[in-house]
Amino acid sequence: AQTSLPPTQLPIDPSGLGIPATVSRTVQDAIRRDDWRTAEA
């Protein structure tokens, strides 16, 4: 715990990624729910 680099959580703005709006909303909703498996898929 002491020697590992600290966890880093960077913000993601799906609306600025050039992806379809429906996918962007899915990703945004998944991030809001902390559902990173859905977001990464």
Full PDB file with SEQRES, HELIX, SHEET, SSBOND, CRYST1, ORIGX, SCALE, CONECT and MASTER records, all heavy atoms in Angstrom:
SEQRES   1 A   41  ALA GLN THR SER LEU PRO PRO THR GLN LEU PRO ILE ASP          
SEQRES   2 A   41  PRO SER GLY LEU GLY ILE PRO ALA THR VAL SER ARG THR          
SEQRES   3 A   41  VAL GLN ASP ALA ILE ARG ARG ASP ASP TRP ARG THR ALA          
SEQRES   4 A   41  GLU ALA                                                      
HELIX    1 AA1 PRO A   14  GLY A   16  5                                   3    
HELIX    2 AA2 ALA A   21  ARG A   32  1                                  12    
HELIX    3 AA3 TRP A   36  GLU A   40  1                                   5    
CRYST1    1.000    1.000    1.000  90.00  90.00  90.00 P 1           1          
ORIGX1      1.000000  0.000000  0.000000        0.00000                         
ORIGX2      0.000000  1.000000  0.000000        0.00000                         
ORIGX3      0.000000  0.000000  1.000000        0.00000                         
SCALE1      1.000000  0.000000  0.000000        0.00000                         
SCALE2      0.000000  1.000000  0.000000        0.00000                         
SCALE3      0.000000  0.000000  1.000000        0.00000                         
ATOM      1  N   ALA A   1       0.810  -1.202   0.000  1.00  0.00           N  
ATOM      2  CA  ALA A   1       0.000   0.000   0.000  1.00  0.00           C  
ATOM      3  C   ALA A   1       0.841   1.247   0.000  1.00  0.00           C  
ATOM      4  O   ALA A   1       0.482   2.253  -0.582  1.00  0.00           O  
ATOM      5  CB  ALA A   1      -0.912   0.007   1.222  1.00  0.00           C  
ATOM      6  N   GLN A   2       1.993   1.173   0.645  1.00  0.00           N  
ATOM      7  CA  GLN A   2       2.803   2.383   0.715  1.00  0.00           C  
ATOM      8  C   GLN A   2       3.620   2.582  -0.545  1.00  0.00           C  
ATOM      9  O   GLN A   2       3.814   3.700  -0.993  1.00  0.00           O  
ATOM     10  CB  GLN A   2       3.742   2.313   1.927  1.00  0.00           C  
ATOM     11  CG  GLN A   2       4.449   3.640   2.174  1.00  0.00           C  
ATOM     12  CD  GLN A   2       5.624   3.494   3.065  1.00  0.00           C  
ATOM     13  OE1 GLN A   2       6.182   2.422   3.181  1.00  0.00           O  
ATOM     14  NE2 GLN A   2       6.022   4.569   3.697  1.00  0.00           N  
ATOM     15  N   THR A   3       4.152   1.470  -1.130  1.00  0.00           N  
ATOM     16  CA  THR A   3       5.070   1.640  -2.234  1.00  0.00           C  
ATOM     17  C   THR A   3       4.390   1.747  -3.581  1.00  0.00           C  
ATOM     18  O   THR A   3       4.962   2.257  -4.516  1.00  0.00           O  
ATOM     19  CB  THR A   3       6.053   0.475  -2.307  1.00  0.00           C  
ATOM     20  OG1 THR A   3       5.304  -0.727  -2.423  1.00  0.00           O  
ATOM     21  CG2 THR A   3       6.887   0.380  -1.059  1.00  0.00           C  
ATOM     22  N   SER A   4       3.193   1.235  -3.717  1.00  0.00           N  
ATOM     23  CA  SER A   4       2.516   1.324  -4.993  1.00  0.00           C  
ATOM     24  C   SER A   4       2.204   2.775  -5.317  1.00  0.00           C  
ATOM     25  O   SER A   4       1.927   3.573  -4.433  1.00  0.00           O  
ATOM     26  CB  SER A   4       1.212   0.513  -4.961  1.00  0.00           C  
ATOM     27  OG  SER A   4       1.479  -0.844  -4.748  1.00  0.00           O  
ATOM     28  N   LEU A   5       2.231   3.100  -6.607  1.00  0.00           N  
ATOM     29  CA  LEU A   5       1.828   4.433  -7.002  1.00  0.00           C  
ATOM     30  C   LEU A   5       0.364   4.634  -6.645  1.00  0.00           C  
ATOM     31  O   LEU A   5      -0.432   3.704  -6.719  1.00  0.00           O  
ATOM     32  CB  LEU A   5       2.032   4.606  -8.510  1.00  0.00           C  
ATOM     33  CG  LEU A   5       3.468   4.458  -9.005  1.00  0.00           C  
ATOM     34  CD1 LEU A   5       3.492   4.619 -10.517  1.00  0.00           C  
ATOM     35  CD2 LEU A   5       4.376   5.468  -8.353  1.00  0.00           C  
ATOM     36  N   PRO A   6      -0.010   5.834  -6.258  1.00  0.00           N  
ATOM     37  CA  PRO A   6      -1.393   6.060  -5.850  1.00  0.00           C  
ATOM     38  C   PRO A   6      -2.361   5.871  -7.007  1.00  0.00           C  
ATOM     39  O   PRO A   6      -2.041   6.182  -8.156  1.00  0.00           O  
ATOM     40  CB  PRO A   6      -1.393   7.517  -5.381  1.00  0.00           C  
ATOM     41  CG  PRO A   6      -0.209   8.127  -6.028  1.00  0.00           C  
ATOM     42  CD  PRO A   6       0.804   7.033  -6.174  1.00  0.00           C  
ATOM     43  N   PRO A   7      -3.558   5.337  -6.741  1.00  0.00           N  
ATOM     44  CA  PRO A   7      -4.536   5.176  -7.804  1.00  0.00           C  
ATOM     45  C   PRO A   7      -4.854   6.534  -8.434  1.00  0.00           C  
ATOM     46  O   PRO A   7      -4.905   7.544  -7.756  1.00  0.00           O  
ATOM     47  CB  PRO A   7      -5.757   4.600  -7.092  1.00  0.00           C  
ATOM     48  CG  PRO A   7      -5.239   4.043  -5.817  1.00  0.00           C  
ATOM     49  CD  PRO A   7      -4.053   4.868  -5.448  1.00  0.00           C  
ATOM     50  N   THR A   8      -5.027   6.522  -9.735  1.00  0.00           N  
ATOM     51  CA  THR A   8      -5.318   7.754 -10.442  1.00  0.00           C  
ATOM     52  C   THR A   8      -6.621   7.578 -11.206  1.00  0.00           C  
ATOM     53  O   THR A   8      -6.745   6.662 -12.001  1.00  0.00           O  
ATOM     54  CB  THR A   8      -4.184   8.098 -11.431  1.00  0.00           C  
ATOM     55  OG1 THR A   8      -2.964   8.184 -10.697  1.00  0.00           O  
ATOM     56  CG2 THR A   8      -4.438   9.405 -12.129  1.00  0.00           C  
ATOM     57  N   GLN A   9      -7.590   8.436 -10.944  1.00  0.00           N  
ATOM     58  CA  GLN A   9      -8.835   8.395 -11.683  1.00  0.00           C  
ATOM     59  C   GLN A   9      -8.957   9.687 -12.461  1.00  0.00           C  
ATOM     60  O   GLN A   9      -9.085  10.769 -11.884  1.00  0.00           O  
ATOM     61  CB  GLN A   9     -10.036   8.213 -10.748  1.00  0.00           C  
ATOM     62  CG  GLN A   9     -11.357   8.115 -11.503  1.00  0.00           C  
ATOM     63  CD  GLN A   9     -12.490   7.636 -10.632  1.00  0.00           C  
ATOM     64  OE1 GLN A   9     -12.250   7.052  -9.578  1.00  0.00           O  
ATOM     65  NE2 GLN A   9     -13.712   7.879 -11.033  1.00  0.00           N  
ATOM     66  N   LEU A  10      -8.898   9.580 -13.765  1.00  0.00           N  
ATOM     67  CA  LEU A  10      -8.974  10.752 -14.621  1.00  0.00           C  
ATOM     68  C   LEU A  10     -10.386  10.887 -15.183  1.00  0.00           C  
ATOM     69  O   LEU A  10     -11.046   9.881 -15.464  1.00  0.00           O  
ATOM     70  CB  LEU A  10      -7.974  10.628 -15.772  1.00  0.00           C  
ATOM     71  CG  LEU A  10      -6.511  10.450 -15.362  1.00  0.00           C  
ATOM     72  CD1 LEU A  10      -5.627  10.379 -16.597  1.00  0.00           C  
ATOM     73  CD2 LEU A  10      -6.064  11.572 -14.457  1.00  0.00           C  
ATOM     74  N   PRO A  11     -10.852  12.095 -15.363  1.00  0.00           N  
ATOM     75  CA  PRO A  11     -12.213  12.276 -15.887  1.00  0.00           C  
ATOM     76  C   PRO A  11     -12.295  11.896 -17.357  1.00  0.00           C  
ATOM     77  O   PRO A  11     -11.327  12.022 -18.112  1.00  0.00           O  
ATOM     78  CB  PRO A  11     -12.460  13.771 -15.682  1.00  0.00           C  
ATOM     79  CG  PRO A  11     -11.105  14.386 -15.681  1.00  0.00           C  
ATOM     80  CD  PRO A  11     -10.186  13.372 -15.053  1.00  0.00           C  
ATOM     81  N   ILE A  12     -13.450  11.414 -17.745  1.00  0.00           N  
ATOM     82  CA  ILE A  12     -13.739  11.103 -19.139  1.00  0.00           C  
ATOM     83  C   ILE A  12     -14.978  11.896 -19.544  1.00  0.00           C  
ATOM     84  O   ILE A  12     -15.997  11.840 -18.861  1.00  0.00           O  
ATOM     85  CB  ILE A  12     -13.995   9.597 -19.350  1.00  0.00           C  
ATOM     86  CG1 ILE A  12     -12.758   8.769 -19.010  1.00  0.00           C  
ATOM     87  CG2 ILE A  12     -14.437   9.314 -20.783  1.00  0.00           C  
ATOM     88  CD1 ILE A  12     -13.003   7.270 -19.070  1.00  0.00           C  
ATOM     89  N   ASP A  13     -14.871  12.592 -20.657  1.00  0.00           N  
ATOM     90  CA  ASP A  13     -16.027  13.303 -21.216  1.00  0.00           C  
ATOM     91  C   ASP A  13     -16.414  12.602 -22.516  1.00  0.00           C  
ATOM     92  O   ASP A  13     -15.846  12.881 -23.577  1.00  0.00           O  
ATOM     93  CB  ASP A  13     -15.688  14.765 -21.472  1.00  0.00           C  
ATOM     94  CG  ASP A  13     -16.861  15.526 -22.090  1.00  0.00           C  
ATOM     95  OD1 ASP A  13     -17.980  14.961 -22.126  1.00  0.00           O  
ATOM     96  OD2 ASP A  13     -16.651  16.668 -22.551  1.00  0.00           O  
ATOM     97  N   PRO A  14     -17.347  11.655 -22.466  1.00  0.00           N  
ATOM     98  CA  PRO A  14     -17.688  10.888 -23.669  1.00  0.00           C  
ATOM     99  C   PRO A  14     -18.159  11.762 -24.826  1.00  0.00           C  
ATOM    100  O   PRO A  14     -17.980  11.395 -25.996  1.00  0.00           O  
ATOM    101  CB  PRO A  14     -18.806   9.955 -23.188  1.00  0.00           C  
ATOM    102  CG  PRO A  14     -18.640   9.883 -21.716  1.00  0.00           C  
ATOM    103  CD  PRO A  14     -18.135  11.228 -21.299  1.00  0.00           C  
ATOM    104  N   SER A  15     -18.749  12.921 -24.525  1.00  0.00           N  
ATOM    105  CA  SER A  15     -19.276  13.769 -25.594  1.00  0.00           C  
ATOM    106  C   SER A  15     -18.173  14.347 -26.470  1.00  0.00           C  
ATOM    107  O   SER A  15     -18.436  14.809 -27.578  1.00  0.00           O  
ATOM    108  CB  SER A  15     -20.109  14.909 -25.005  1.00  0.00           C  
ATOM    109  OG  SER A  15     -19.296  15.778 -24.226  1.00  0.00           O  
ATOM    110  N   GLY A  16     -16.936  14.325 -25.985  1.00  0.00           N  
ATOM    111  CA  GLY A  16     -15.837  14.881 -26.768  1.00  0.00           C  
ATOM    112  C   GLY A  16     -14.973  13.849 -27.437  1.00  0.00           C  
ATOM    113  O   GLY A  16     -13.849  14.177 -27.869  1.00  0.00           O  
ATOM    114  N   LEU A  17     -15.451  12.629 -27.562  1.00  0.00           N  
ATOM    115  CA  LEU A  17     -14.630  11.543 -28.100  1.00  0.00           C  
ATOM    116  C   LEU A  17     -14.939  11.206 -29.551  1.00  0.00           C  
ATOM    117  O   LEU A  17     -14.316  10.292 -30.107  1.00  0.00           O  
ATOM    118  CB  LEU A  17     -14.803  10.280 -27.236  1.00  0.00           C  
ATOM    119  CG  LEU A  17     -14.393  10.407 -25.765  1.00  0.00           C  
ATOM    120  CD1 LEU A  17     -14.671   9.100 -25.019  1.00  0.00           C  
ATOM    121  CD2 LEU A  17     -12.919  10.782 -25.658  1.00  0.00           C  
ATOM    122  N   GLY A  18     -15.887  11.893 -30.132  1.00  0.00           N  
ATOM    123  CA  GLY A  18     -16.229  11.609 -31.523  1.00  0.00           C  
ATOM    124  C   GLY A  18     -16.931  10.286 -31.708  1.00  0.00           C  
ATOM    125  O   GLY A  18     -16.754   9.619 -32.749  1.00  0.00           O  
ATOM    126  N   ILE A  19     -17.724   9.869 -30.738  1.00  0.00           N  
ATOM    127  CA  ILE A  19     -18.465   8.612 -30.823  1.00  0.00           C  
ATOM    128  C   ILE A  19     -19.954   8.928 -30.936  1.00  0.00           C  
ATOM    129  O   ILE A  19     -20.391  10.043 -30.606  1.00  0.00           O  
ATOM    130  CB  ILE A  19     -18.196   7.711 -29.597  1.00  0.00           C  
ATOM    131  CG1 ILE A  19     -18.569   8.423 -28.291  1.00  0.00           C  
ATOM    132  CG2 ILE A  19     -16.728   7.311 -29.559  1.00  0.00           C  
ATOM    133  CD1 ILE A  19     -18.342   7.588 -27.030  1.00  0.00           C  
ATOM    134  N   PRO A  20     -20.768   7.974 -31.394  1.00  0.00           N  
ATOM    135  CA  PRO A  20     -22.208   8.241 -31.528  1.00  0.00           C  
ATOM    136  C   PRO A  20     -22.836   8.687 -30.210  1.00  0.00           C  
ATOM    137  O   PRO A  20     -22.412   8.259 -29.131  1.00  0.00           O  
ATOM    138  CB  PRO A  20     -22.767   6.892 -31.987  1.00  0.00           C  
ATOM    139  CG  PRO A  20     -21.630   6.214 -32.672  1.00  0.00           C  
ATOM    140  CD  PRO A  20     -20.403   6.646 -31.917  1.00  0.00           C  
ATOM    141  N   ALA A  21     -23.849   9.519 -30.319  1.00  0.00           N  
ATOM    142  CA  ALA A  21     -24.487  10.079 -29.126  1.00  0.00           C  
ATOM    143  C   ALA A  21     -25.068   8.989 -28.228  1.00  0.00           C  
ATOM    144  O   ALA A  21     -25.010   9.083 -26.995  1.00  0.00           O  
ATOM    145  CB  ALA A  21     -25.580  11.062 -29.540  1.00  0.00           C  
ATOM    146  N   THR A  22     -25.597   7.935 -28.829  1.00  0.00           N  
ATOM    147  CA  THR A  22     -26.180   6.869 -28.010  1.00  0.00           C  
ATOM    148  C   THR A  22     -25.093   6.162 -27.189  1.00  0.00           C  
ATOM    149  O   THR A  22     -25.311   5.834 -26.020  1.00  0.00           O  
ATOM    150  CB  THR A  22     -26.898   5.842 -28.899  1.00  0.00           C  
ATOM    151  OG1 THR A  22     -25.983   5.373 -29.917  1.00  0.00           O  
ATOM    152  CG2 THR A  22     -28.121   6.446 -29.557  1.00  0.00           C  
ATOM    153  N   VAL A  23     -23.949   5.938 -27.812  1.00  0.00           N  
ATOM    154  CA  VAL A  23     -22.826   5.312 -27.101  1.00  0.00           C  
ATOM    155  C   VAL A  23     -22.307   6.260 -26.024  1.00  0.00           C  
ATOM    156  O   VAL A  23     -22.012   5.841 -24.895  1.00  0.00           O  
ATOM    157  CB  VAL A  23     -21.698   4.933 -28.077  1.00  0.00           C  
ATOM    158  CG1 VAL A  23     -20.520   4.314 -27.312  1.00  0.00           C  
ATOM    159  CG2 VAL A  23     -22.204   3.973 -29.136  1.00  0.00           C  
ATOM    160  N   SER A  24     -22.221   7.531 -26.354  1.00  0.00           N  
ATOM    161  CA  SER A  24     -21.762   8.526 -25.386  1.00  0.00           C  
ATOM    162  C   SER A  24     -22.648   8.531 -24.157  1.00  0.00           C  
ATOM    163  O   SER A  24     -22.160   8.571 -23.018  1.00  0.00           O  
ATOM    164  CB  SER A  24     -21.747   9.911 -26.038  1.00  0.00           C  
ATOM    165  OG  SER A  24     -21.393  10.894 -25.095  1.00  0.00           O  
ATOM    166  N   ARG A  25     -23.955   8.462 -24.357  1.00  0.00           N  
ATOM    167  CA  ARG A  25     -24.872   8.451 -23.205  1.00  0.00           C  
ATOM    168  C   ARG A  25     -24.712   7.172 -22.383  1.00  0.00           C  
ATOM    169  O   ARG A  25     -24.773   7.201 -21.146  1.00  0.00           O  
ATOM    170  CB  ARG A  25     -26.314   8.603 -23.688  1.00  0.00           C  
ATOM    171  CG  ARG A  25     -26.652  10.010 -24.154  1.00  0.00           C  
ATOM    172  CD  ARG A  25     -28.155  10.181 -24.319  1.00  0.00           C  
ATOM    173  NE  ARG A  25     -28.677   9.344 -25.401  1.00  0.00           N  
ATOM    174  CZ  ARG A  25     -28.753   9.734 -26.676  1.00  0.00           C  
ATOM    175  NH1 ARG A  25     -28.339  10.944 -27.027  1.00  0.00           N  
ATOM    176  NH2 ARG A  25     -29.264   8.926 -27.591  1.00  0.00           N  
ATOM    177  N   THR A  26     -24.517   6.058 -23.074  1.00  0.00           N  
ATOM    178  CA  THR A  26     -24.312   4.783 -22.363  1.00  0.00           C  
ATOM    179  C   THR A  26     -23.063   4.850 -21.493  1.00  0.00           C  
ATOM    180  O   THR A  26     -23.076   4.431 -20.327  1.00  0.00           O  
ATOM    181  CB  THR A  26     -24.178   3.625 -23.364  1.00  0.00           C  
ATOM    182  OG1 THR A  26     -25.397   3.505 -24.103  1.00  0.00           O  
ATOM    183  CG2 THR A  26     -23.880   2.313 -22.647  1.00  0.00           C  
ATOM    184  N   VAL A  27     -21.984   5.395 -22.048  1.00  0.00           N  
ATOM    185  CA  VAL A  27     -20.730   5.501 -21.304  1.00  0.00           C  
ATOM    186  C   VAL A  27     -20.899   6.460 -20.128  1.00  0.00           C  
ATOM    187  O   VAL A  27     -20.466   6.167 -19.010  1.00  0.00           O  
ATOM    188  CB  VAL A  27     -19.592   5.967 -22.228  1.00  0.00           C  
ATOM    189  CG1 VAL A  27     -18.326   6.263 -21.427  1.00  0.00           C  
ATOM    190  CG2 VAL A  27     -19.308   4.915 -23.295  1.00  0.00           C  
ATOM    191  N   GLN A  28     -21.529   7.609 -20.377  1.00  0.00           N  
ATOM    192  CA  GLN A  28     -21.721   8.587 -19.309  1.00  0.00           C  
ATOM    193  C   GLN A  28     -22.540   8.002 -18.165  1.00  0.00           C  
ATOM    194  O   GLN A  28     -22.213   8.184 -16.988  1.00  0.00           O  
ATOM    195  CB  GLN A  28     -22.415   9.830 -19.861  1.00  0.00           C  
ATOM    196  CG  GLN A  28     -22.511  10.982 -18.869  1.00  0.00           C  
ATOM    197  CD  GLN A  28     -21.147  11.520 -18.505  1.00  0.00           C  
ATOM    198  OE1 GLN A  28     -20.386  11.938 -19.368  1.00  0.00           O  
ATOM    199  NE2 GLN A  28     -20.814  11.501 -17.233  1.00  0.00           N  
ATOM    200  N   ASP A  29     -23.593   7.284 -18.500  1.00  0.00           N  
ATOM    201  CA  ASP A  29     -24.435   6.669 -17.477  1.00  0.00           C  
ATOM    202  C   ASP A  29     -23.664   5.598 -16.712  1.00  0.00           C  
ATOM    203  O   ASP A  29     -23.783   5.490 -15.487  1.00  0.00           O  
ATOM    204  CB  ASP A  29     -25.677   6.060 -18.133  1.00  0.00           C  
ATOM    205  CG  ASP A  29     -26.613   5.433 -17.109  1.00  0.00           C  
ATOM    206  OD1 ASP A  29     -27.117   6.179 -16.236  1.00  0.00           O  
ATOM    207  OD2 ASP A  29     -26.817   4.198 -17.158  1.00  0.00           O  
ATOM    208  N   ALA A  30     -22.845   4.815 -17.421  1.00  0.00           N  
ATOM    209  CA  ALA A  30     -22.060   3.764 -16.754  1.00  0.00           C  
ATOM    210  C   ALA A  30     -21.048   4.379 -15.789  1.00  0.00           C  
ATOM    211  O   ALA A  30     -20.867   3.880 -14.668  1.00  0.00           O  
ATOM    212  CB  ALA A  30     -21.339   2.915 -17.800  1.00  0.00           C  
ATOM    213  N   ILE A  31     -20.402   5.452 -16.205  1.00  0.00           N  
ATOM    214  CA  ILE A  31     -19.433   6.115 -15.325  1.00  0.00           C  
ATOM    215  C   ILE A  31     -20.138   6.663 -14.088  1.00  0.00           C  
ATOM    216  O   ILE A  31     -19.632   6.546 -12.969  1.00  0.00           O  
ATOM    217  CB  ILE A  31     -18.701   7.237 -16.087  1.00  0.00           C  
ATOM    218  CG1 ILE A  31     -17.823   6.640 -17.185  1.00  0.00           C  
ATOM    219  CG2 ILE A  31     -17.862   8.082 -15.127  1.00  0.00           C  
ATOM    220  CD1 ILE A  31     -17.214   7.676 -18.105  1.00  0.00           C  
ATOM    221  N   ARG A  32     -21.316   7.246 -14.300  1.00  0.00           N  
ATOM    222  CA  ARG A  32     -22.065   7.799 -13.172  1.00  0.00           C  
ATOM    223  C   ARG A  32     -22.418   6.709 -12.155  1.00  0.00           C  
ATOM    224  O   ARG A  32     -22.445   6.947 -10.954  1.00  0.00           O  
ATOM    225  CB  ARG A  32     -23.316   8.497 -13.687  1.00  0.00           C  
ATOM    226  CG  ARG A  32     -24.068   9.278 -12.630  1.00  0.00           C  
ATOM    227  CD  ARG A  32     -25.074  10.248 -13.246  1.00  0.00           C  
ATOM    228  NE  ARG A  32     -25.845   9.644 -14.332  1.00  0.00           N  
ATOM    229  CZ  ARG A  32     -25.749  10.017 -15.612  1.00  0.00           C  
ATOM    230  NH1 ARG A  32     -24.913  10.969 -15.965  1.00  0.00           N  
ATOM    231  NH2 ARG A  32     -26.495   9.434 -16.529  1.00  0.00           N  
ATOM    232  N   ARG A  33     -22.676   5.493 -12.656  1.00  0.00           N  
ATOM    233  CA  ARG A  33     -23.009   4.366 -11.778  1.00  0.00           C  
ATOM    234  C   ARG A  33     -21.764   3.606 -11.304  1.00  0.00           C  
ATOM    235  O   ARG A  33     -21.884   2.588 -10.640  1.00  0.00           O  
ATOM    236  CB  ARG A  33     -23.951   3.406 -12.495  1.00  0.00           C  
ATOM    237  CG  ARG A  33     -25.337   3.986 -12.758  1.00  0.00           C  
ATOM    238  CD  ARG A  33     -26.261   2.983 -13.430  1.00  0.00           C  
ATOM    239  NE  ARG A  33     -25.952   2.766 -14.841  1.00  0.00           N  
ATOM    240  CZ  ARG A  33     -25.364   1.698 -15.334  1.00  0.00           C  
ATOM    241  NH1 ARG A  33     -25.001   0.702 -14.547  1.00  0.00           N  
ATOM    242  NH2 ARG A  33     -25.131   1.589 -16.639  1.00  0.00           N  
ATOM    243  N   ASP A  34     -20.581   4.089 -11.695  1.00  0.00           N  
ATOM    244  CA  ASP A  34     -19.318   3.431 -11.372  1.00  0.00           C  
ATOM    245  C   ASP A  34     -19.266   2.016 -11.963  1.00  0.00           C  
ATOM    246  O   ASP A  34     -18.663   1.109 -11.399  1.00  0.00           O  
ATOM    247  CB  ASP A  34     -19.111   3.376  -9.848  1.00  0.00           C  
ATOM    248  CG  ASP A  34     -17.639   3.234  -9.481  1.00  0.00           C  
ATOM    249  OD1 ASP A  34     -16.782   3.715 -10.244  1.00  0.00           O  
ATOM    250  OD2 ASP A  34     -17.342   2.628  -8.433  1.00  0.00           O  
ATOM    251  N   ASP A  35     -19.907   1.852 -13.109  1.00  0.00           N  
ATOM    252  CA  ASP A  35     -19.950   0.576 -13.822  1.00  0.00           C  
ATOM    253  C   ASP A  35     -18.900   0.631 -14.932  1.00  0.00           C  
ATOM    254  O   ASP A  35     -19.216   0.845 -16.110  1.00  0.00           O  
ATOM    255  CB  ASP A  35     -21.347   0.348 -14.389  1.00  0.00           C  
ATOM    256  CG  ASP A  35     -21.465  -0.968 -15.146  1.00  0.00           C  
ATOM    257  OD1 ASP A  35     -20.481  -1.745 -15.164  1.00  0.00           O  
ATOM    258  OD2 ASP A  35     -22.543  -1.210 -15.748  1.00  0.00           O  
ATOM    259  N   TRP A  36     -17.653   0.405 -14.546  1.00  0.00           N  
ATOM    260  CA  TRP A  36     -16.563   0.565 -15.497  1.00  0.00           C  
ATOM    261  C   TRP A  36     -16.496  -0.567 -16.505  1.00  0.00           C  
ATOM    262  O   TRP A  36     -15.950  -0.396 -17.601  1.00  0.00           O  
ATOM    263  CB  TRP A  36     -15.242   0.721 -14.753  1.00  0.00           C  
ATOM    264  CG  TRP A  36     -15.159   2.054 -14.087  1.00  0.00           C  
ATOM    265  CD1 TRP A  36     -15.392   2.356 -12.775  1.00  0.00           C  
ATOM    266  CD2 TRP A  36     -14.858   3.300 -14.728  1.00  0.00           C  
ATOM    267  NE1 TRP A  36     -15.247   3.700 -12.555  1.00  0.00           N  
ATOM    268  CE2 TRP A  36     -14.914   4.305 -13.732  1.00  0.00           C  
ATOM    269  CE3 TRP A  36     -14.540   3.669 -16.034  1.00  0.00           C  
ATOM    270  CZ2 TRP A  36     -14.669   5.649 -14.014  1.00  0.00           C  
ATOM    271  CZ3 TRP A  36     -14.287   4.999 -16.321  1.00  0.00           C  
ATOM    272  CH2 TRP A  36     -14.353   5.975 -15.314  1.00  0.00           C  
ATOM    273  N   ARG A  37     -17.050  -1.722 -16.182  1.00  0.00           N  
ATOM    274  CA  ARG A  37     -17.069  -2.821 -17.163  1.00  0.00           C  
ATOM    275  C   ARG A  37     -17.926  -2.440 -18.371  1.00  0.00           C  
ATOM    276  O   ARG A  37     -17.545  -2.685 -19.521  1.00  0.00           O  
ATOM    277  CB  ARG A  37     -17.603  -4.098 -16.513  1.00  0.00           C  
ATOM    278  CG  ARG A  37     -16.736  -4.649 -15.385  1.00  0.00           C  
ATOM    279  CD  ARG A  37     -15.407  -5.126 -15.925  1.00  0.00           C  
ATOM    280  NE  ARG A  37     -14.552  -5.644 -14.883  1.00  0.00           N  
ATOM    281  CZ  ARG A  37     -14.504  -6.929 -14.505  1.00  0.00           C  
ATOM    282  NH1 ARG A  37     -15.297  -7.815 -15.088  1.00  0.00           N  
ATOM    283  NH2 ARG A  37     -13.663  -7.315 -13.567  1.00  0.00           N  
ATOM    284  N   THR A  38     -19.075  -1.828 -18.114  1.00  0.00           N  
ATOM    285  CA  THR A  38     -19.923  -1.390 -19.223  1.00  0.00           C  
ATOM    286  C   THR A  38     -19.265  -0.258 -19.997  1.00  0.00           C  
ATOM    287  O   THR A  38     -19.280  -0.236 -21.236  1.00  0.00           O  
ATOM    288  CB  THR A  38     -21.293  -0.937 -18.693  1.00  0.00           C  
ATOM    289  OG1 THR A  38     -21.963  -2.055 -18.101  1.00  0.00           O  
ATOM    290  CG2 THR A  38     -22.162  -0.359 -19.803  1.00  0.00           C  
ATOM    291  N   ALA A  39     -18.644   0.674 -19.262  1.00  0.00           N  
ATOM    292  CA  ALA A  39     -17.980   1.798 -19.922  1.00  0.00           C  
ATOM    293  C   ALA A  39     -16.860   1.309 -20.824  1.00  0.00           C  
ATOM    294  O   ALA A  39     -16.731   1.758 -21.981  1.00  0.00           O  
ATOM    295  CB  ALA A  39     -17.441   2.768 -18.880  1.00  0.00           C  
ATOM    296  N   GLU A  40     -16.041   0.392 -20.334  1.00  0.00           N  
ATOM    297  CA  GLU A  40     -14.916  -0.061 -21.160  1.00  0.00           C  
ATOM    298  C   GLU A  40     -15.401  -0.877 -22.355  1.00  0.00           C  
ATOM    299  O   GLU A  40     -14.812  -0.780 -23.439  1.00  0.00           O  
ATOM    300  CB  GLU A  40     -13.907  -0.856 -20.316  1.00  0.00           C  
ATOM    301  CG  GLU A  40     -14.369  -2.211 -19.865  1.00  0.00           C  
ATOM    302  CD  GLU A  40     -13.262  -3.041 -19.206  1.00  0.00           C  
ATOM    303  OE1 GLU A  40     -12.082  -2.773 -19.440  1.00  0.00           O  
ATOM    304  OE2 GLU A  40     -13.624  -3.977 -18.454  1.00  0.00           O  
ATOM    305  N   ALA A  41     -16.474  -1.659 -22.183  1.00  0.00           N  
ATOM    306  CA  ALA A  41     -16.985  -2.441 -23.308  1.00  0.00           C  
ATOM    307  C   ALA A  41     -17.497  -1.532 -24.421  1.00  0.00           C  
ATOM    308  O   ALA A  41     -17.235  -1.772 -25.613  1.00  0.00           O  
ATOM    309  CB  ALA A  41     -18.097  -3.369 -22.821  1.00  0.00           C  
TER     310      ALA A  41                                                      
MASTER        0    0    0    3    0    0    0    6  309    1    0    4          
END                                                                             
